[in-house]
N, C-alpha and C. Protein backbone atom coordinates (compact mmCIF):
# COMPACT_ATOMS: atom_id res chain seq x y z
N MET A 1 0.82 -1.10 0.31
CA MET A 1 -0.13 -0.09 -0.18
C MET A 1 1.02 1.08 -0.09
N ASP A 2 0.53 2.25 -0.96
CA ASP A 2 1.39 3.29 -0.94
C ASP A 2 1.04 4.50 0.21
N ILE A 3 1.83 5.61 0.23
CA ILE A 3 1.45 6.54 1.24
C ILE A 3 0.06 7.23 1.14
N LYS A 4 -0.21 7.60 0.04
CA LYS A 4 -1.61 7.83 -0.18
C LYS A 4 -2.81 6.96 0.21
N ASP A 5 -2.56 5.89 -0.21
CA ASP A 5 -3.77 5.07 0.16
C ASP A 5 -3.59 4.81 1.62
N SER A 6 -2.58 4.52 2.40
CA SER A 6 -2.32 4.46 3.61
C SER A 6 -3.38 5.65 4.41
N VAL A 7 -2.84 6.63 4.22
CA VAL A 7 -3.21 7.96 4.57
C VAL A 7 -4.84 8.19 4.49
N ARG A 8 -5.38 7.74 3.30
CA ARG A 8 -6.56 7.92 2.87
C ARG A 8 -7.39 6.97 3.90
N GLN A 9 -6.84 5.73 3.94
CA GLN A 9 -7.59 4.71 4.82
C GLN A 9 -7.74 5.37 6.24
N PHE A 10 -6.53 5.85 6.63
CA PHE A 10 -6.50 6.40 8.10
C PHE A 10 -7.41 7.70 8.24
N ILE A 11 -7.29 8.52 7.40
CA ILE A 11 -8.40 9.54 7.42
C ILE A 11 -9.81 9.22 7.51
N THR A 12 -10.10 8.38 6.50
CA THR A 12 -11.65 7.87 6.27
C THR A 12 -12.15 7.25 7.54
N LYS A 13 -11.01 6.37 8.28
CA LYS A 13 -11.46 5.38 9.54
C LYS A 13 -11.50 6.26 10.56
N ASN A 14 -10.78 7.27 10.84
CA ASN A 14 -10.44 8.06 12.18
C ASN A 14 -11.33 9.58 12.24
N PHE A 15 -11.71 10.12 11.12
CA PHE A 15 -12.14 11.29 11.07
C PHE A 15 -13.39 11.19 10.27
N TYR A 16 -14.37 12.33 10.35
CA TYR A 16 -15.66 12.31 9.72
C TYR A 16 -15.32 12.87 8.20
N VAL A 17 -15.55 11.92 7.26
CA VAL A 17 -15.54 12.26 6.02
C VAL A 17 -16.85 11.97 5.17
N PRO A 18 -17.68 12.95 4.88
CA PRO A 18 -19.00 12.73 4.44
C PRO A 18 -19.25 11.74 2.98
N ASP A 19 -18.25 12.01 2.24
CA ASP A 19 -18.26 11.25 1.17
C ASP A 19 -16.82 10.91 0.69
N PRO A 20 -16.25 9.87 1.15
CA PRO A 20 -14.88 9.49 1.09
C PRO A 20 -14.50 9.33 -0.47
N SER A 21 -15.55 9.01 -1.51
CA SER A 21 -15.19 9.20 -2.67
C SER A 21 -14.59 10.53 -3.46
N LYS A 22 -14.85 11.63 -2.51
CA LYS A 22 -14.33 12.68 -2.86
C LYS A 22 -13.38 13.30 -2.12
N LEU A 23 -12.47 12.38 -1.51
CA LEU A 23 -11.39 12.48 -0.99
C LEU A 23 -10.11 12.23 -1.90
N THR A 24 -10.17 13.17 -2.88
CA THR A 24 -8.96 12.99 -3.89
C THR A 24 -7.82 13.47 -3.47
N ASP A 25 -6.84 13.54 -4.30
CA ASP A 25 -5.31 13.71 -3.74
C ASP A 25 -5.18 15.25 -3.24
N ASN A 26 -5.92 16.25 -4.08
CA ASN A 26 -5.74 17.52 -3.62
C ASN A 26 -6.50 18.39 -2.82
N VAL A 27 -7.77 17.44 -2.47
CA VAL A 27 -8.58 17.96 -1.26
C VAL A 27 -7.77 18.51 -0.08
N SER A 28 -8.12 19.89 0.22
CA SER A 28 -7.77 20.15 1.44
C SER A 28 -8.44 19.73 2.82
N PHE A 29 -7.64 18.99 3.65
CA PHE A 29 -8.15 18.51 4.92
C PHE A 29 -8.69 19.59 5.56
N LEU A 30 -8.07 20.70 5.90
CA LEU A 30 -8.68 21.88 6.68
C LEU A 30 -9.61 22.62 5.99
N ASP A 31 -9.72 22.85 4.66
CA ASP A 31 -10.83 23.77 4.00
C ASP A 31 -11.87 22.72 4.00
N SER A 32 -11.79 21.56 3.69
CA SER A 32 -13.19 20.45 3.84
C SER A 32 -13.54 20.32 5.25
N GLY A 33 -12.95 20.67 6.35
CA GLY A 33 -13.39 20.49 7.67
C GLY A 33 -13.35 19.02 8.06
N ILE A 34 -12.33 18.20 7.44
CA ILE A 34 -11.99 16.92 7.85
C ILE A 34 -10.89 16.81 9.06
N ILE A 35 -10.25 17.93 8.78
CA ILE A 35 -9.12 17.88 10.08
C ILE A 35 -9.08 19.25 10.80
N ASP A 36 -8.97 19.42 12.18
CA ASP A 36 -8.63 20.47 12.70
C ASP A 36 -7.56 20.36 13.66
N SER A 37 -7.20 21.31 14.23
CA SER A 37 -5.79 21.53 15.20
C SER A 37 -5.37 20.33 15.71
N THR A 38 -6.28 19.75 16.27
CA THR A 38 -6.15 18.62 17.16
C THR A 38 -6.00 17.14 16.42
N SER A 39 -6.87 16.99 15.02
CA SER A 39 -6.58 15.97 14.36
C SER A 39 -5.17 15.87 13.44
N VAL A 40 -4.61 17.52 13.31
CA VAL A 40 -3.44 17.25 12.84
C VAL A 40 -2.29 16.59 13.83
N LEU A 41 -2.48 16.51 15.03
CA LEU A 41 -1.61 16.00 16.16
C LEU A 41 -1.79 14.09 15.73
N GLU A 42 -3.05 13.93 15.67
CA GLU A 42 -3.29 12.40 15.46
C GLU A 42 -2.78 11.98 14.16
N LEU A 43 -2.88 12.94 13.21
CA LEU A 43 -2.41 12.32 12.09
C LEU A 43 -0.71 12.17 12.09
N THR A 44 -0.19 13.43 12.62
CA THR A 44 1.29 13.16 12.97
C THR A 44 1.89 12.01 13.30
N ALA A 45 1.20 11.61 14.33
CA ALA A 45 1.62 10.44 15.24
C ALA A 45 1.35 9.42 14.38
N PHE A 46 0.17 9.16 13.69
CA PHE A 46 0.01 8.12 12.62
C PHE A 46 1.37 8.32 11.74
N LEU A 47 1.44 9.17 11.06
CA LEU A 47 2.68 9.45 10.05
C LEU A 47 4.10 8.64 10.78
N GLU A 48 4.43 9.10 11.95
CA GLU A 48 5.74 8.90 12.65
C GLU A 48 5.58 7.47 12.94
N GLU A 49 4.38 6.82 13.38
CA GLU A 49 4.52 5.25 13.52
C GLU A 49 4.49 4.45 12.36
N THR A 50 3.62 4.98 11.25
CA THR A 50 3.45 4.06 10.06
C THR A 50 4.61 4.27 9.21
N PHE A 51 5.34 5.22 8.89
CA PHE A 51 6.46 5.53 8.26
C PHE A 51 7.74 5.86 8.59
N GLU A 52 7.81 5.40 10.09
CA GLU A 52 9.05 5.53 10.67
C GLU A 52 9.91 7.09 10.62
N ILE A 53 8.91 8.30 10.75
CA ILE A 53 9.56 9.66 10.38
C ILE A 53 9.61 10.25 11.46
N GLN A 54 10.26 11.28 11.80
CA GLN A 54 10.20 12.28 12.78
C GLN A 54 9.57 13.48 12.47
N VAL A 55 8.40 14.14 13.13
CA VAL A 55 7.84 15.38 12.44
C VAL A 55 8.27 16.40 13.37
N ALA A 56 9.34 17.08 13.00
CA ALA A 56 9.25 18.10 13.85
C ALA A 56 8.51 19.47 14.04
N ASP A 57 8.26 19.93 15.03
CA ASP A 57 7.09 21.24 15.40
C ASP A 57 6.90 22.09 14.13
N ASP A 58 8.34 22.35 13.68
CA ASP A 58 8.37 23.55 12.51
C ASP A 58 7.91 23.01 11.30
N GLU A 59 7.70 21.64 10.98
CA GLU A 59 6.96 20.87 10.18
C GLU A 59 5.73 20.58 10.11
N LEU A 60 4.94 21.21 11.03
CA LEU A 60 3.50 20.98 11.16
C LEU A 60 2.87 22.12 10.40
N LEU A 61 3.05 21.99 9.34
CA LEU A 61 2.43 23.15 8.30
C LEU A 61 1.45 22.64 6.93
N PRO A 62 0.67 23.57 6.62
CA PRO A 62 -0.49 23.10 5.79
C PRO A 62 0.35 22.47 4.47
N GLU A 63 1.29 23.12 3.99
CA GLU A 63 2.10 22.78 2.98
C GLU A 63 2.78 21.31 3.03
N ASN A 64 2.64 20.76 4.36
CA ASN A 64 3.12 19.29 4.65
C ASN A 64 2.06 18.37 4.96
N LEU A 65 0.80 18.89 5.37
CA LEU A 65 -0.19 17.99 6.01
C LEU A 65 -1.48 18.29 5.61
N ASP A 66 -2.01 18.95 4.35
CA ASP A 66 -3.25 19.40 4.31
C ASP A 66 -3.79 18.64 3.07
N SER A 67 -3.04 17.70 2.73
CA SER A 67 -3.87 17.04 1.40
C SER A 67 -3.11 15.52 1.19
N LEU A 68 -3.79 14.77 0.56
CA LEU A 68 -3.02 13.28 0.45
C LEU A 68 -1.85 13.63 -0.50
N ALA A 69 -1.85 14.52 -1.38
CA ALA A 69 -0.83 14.79 -2.15
C ALA A 69 0.28 15.45 -1.37
N SER A 70 0.08 16.38 -0.45
CA SER A 70 1.12 17.14 0.26
C SER A 70 1.71 16.04 1.23
N VAL A 71 0.89 15.45 1.83
CA VAL A 71 1.52 14.40 3.01
C VAL A 71 2.38 13.37 2.28
N ASP A 72 2.03 12.84 1.01
CA ASP A 72 2.80 11.85 0.31
C ASP A 72 4.26 12.48 -0.13
N ALA A 73 4.22 13.76 -0.60
CA ALA A 73 5.50 14.44 -0.78
C ALA A 73 6.33 14.49 0.29
N PHE A 74 5.70 15.14 1.69
CA PHE A 74 6.34 15.32 2.72
C PHE A 74 7.07 13.99 3.31
N VAL A 75 6.03 12.74 3.24
CA VAL A 75 6.80 11.45 3.95
C VAL A 75 7.70 10.90 2.72
N SER A 76 7.47 11.55 1.53
CA SER A 76 8.71 10.77 0.65
C SER A 76 9.87 11.39 1.04
N ARG A 77 9.89 13.00 1.15
CA ARG A 77 11.30 13.63 1.58
C ARG A 77 11.79 13.24 2.56
N LYS A 78 10.81 13.00 3.79
CA LYS A 78 11.42 12.71 5.15
C LYS A 78 12.03 11.44 4.99
N ARG A 79 11.50 10.30 4.30
CA ARG A 79 12.01 8.99 4.21
C ARG A 79 13.35 9.10 3.36
N LYS A 80 13.76 9.76 2.54
CA LYS A 80 14.87 9.81 1.82
C LYS A 80 16.13 10.33 2.46
N ARG A 81 15.82 11.34 3.55
CA ARG A 81 16.97 11.70 4.53
C ARG A 81 17.75 10.51 5.15
C-alpha cells in the first residue's frame, strides 16, 4: 500500500468524511473540515509510527499536511533523508 492509500484509509477511518469518494489527492483537509488542529496531531502520530519518520514542530504546516498529495510528498522527502 502506498503512502496516499495508507493516509486515505487512516483519514476515512478516524475522521468524519461525508463522502470518501470525494477525498481526492488535492482536497484540503482543513478547508473541507476533515481535520482540525487536534486532528493534525493524530495524523502526525500516525505518520511517525507508520512510516518511521520524525515530524518536527516547525514542519506542522499546511504545505506538508493538508492533502493526500502534500502528505505523500512530505513523507517521501522525510524517508529519503
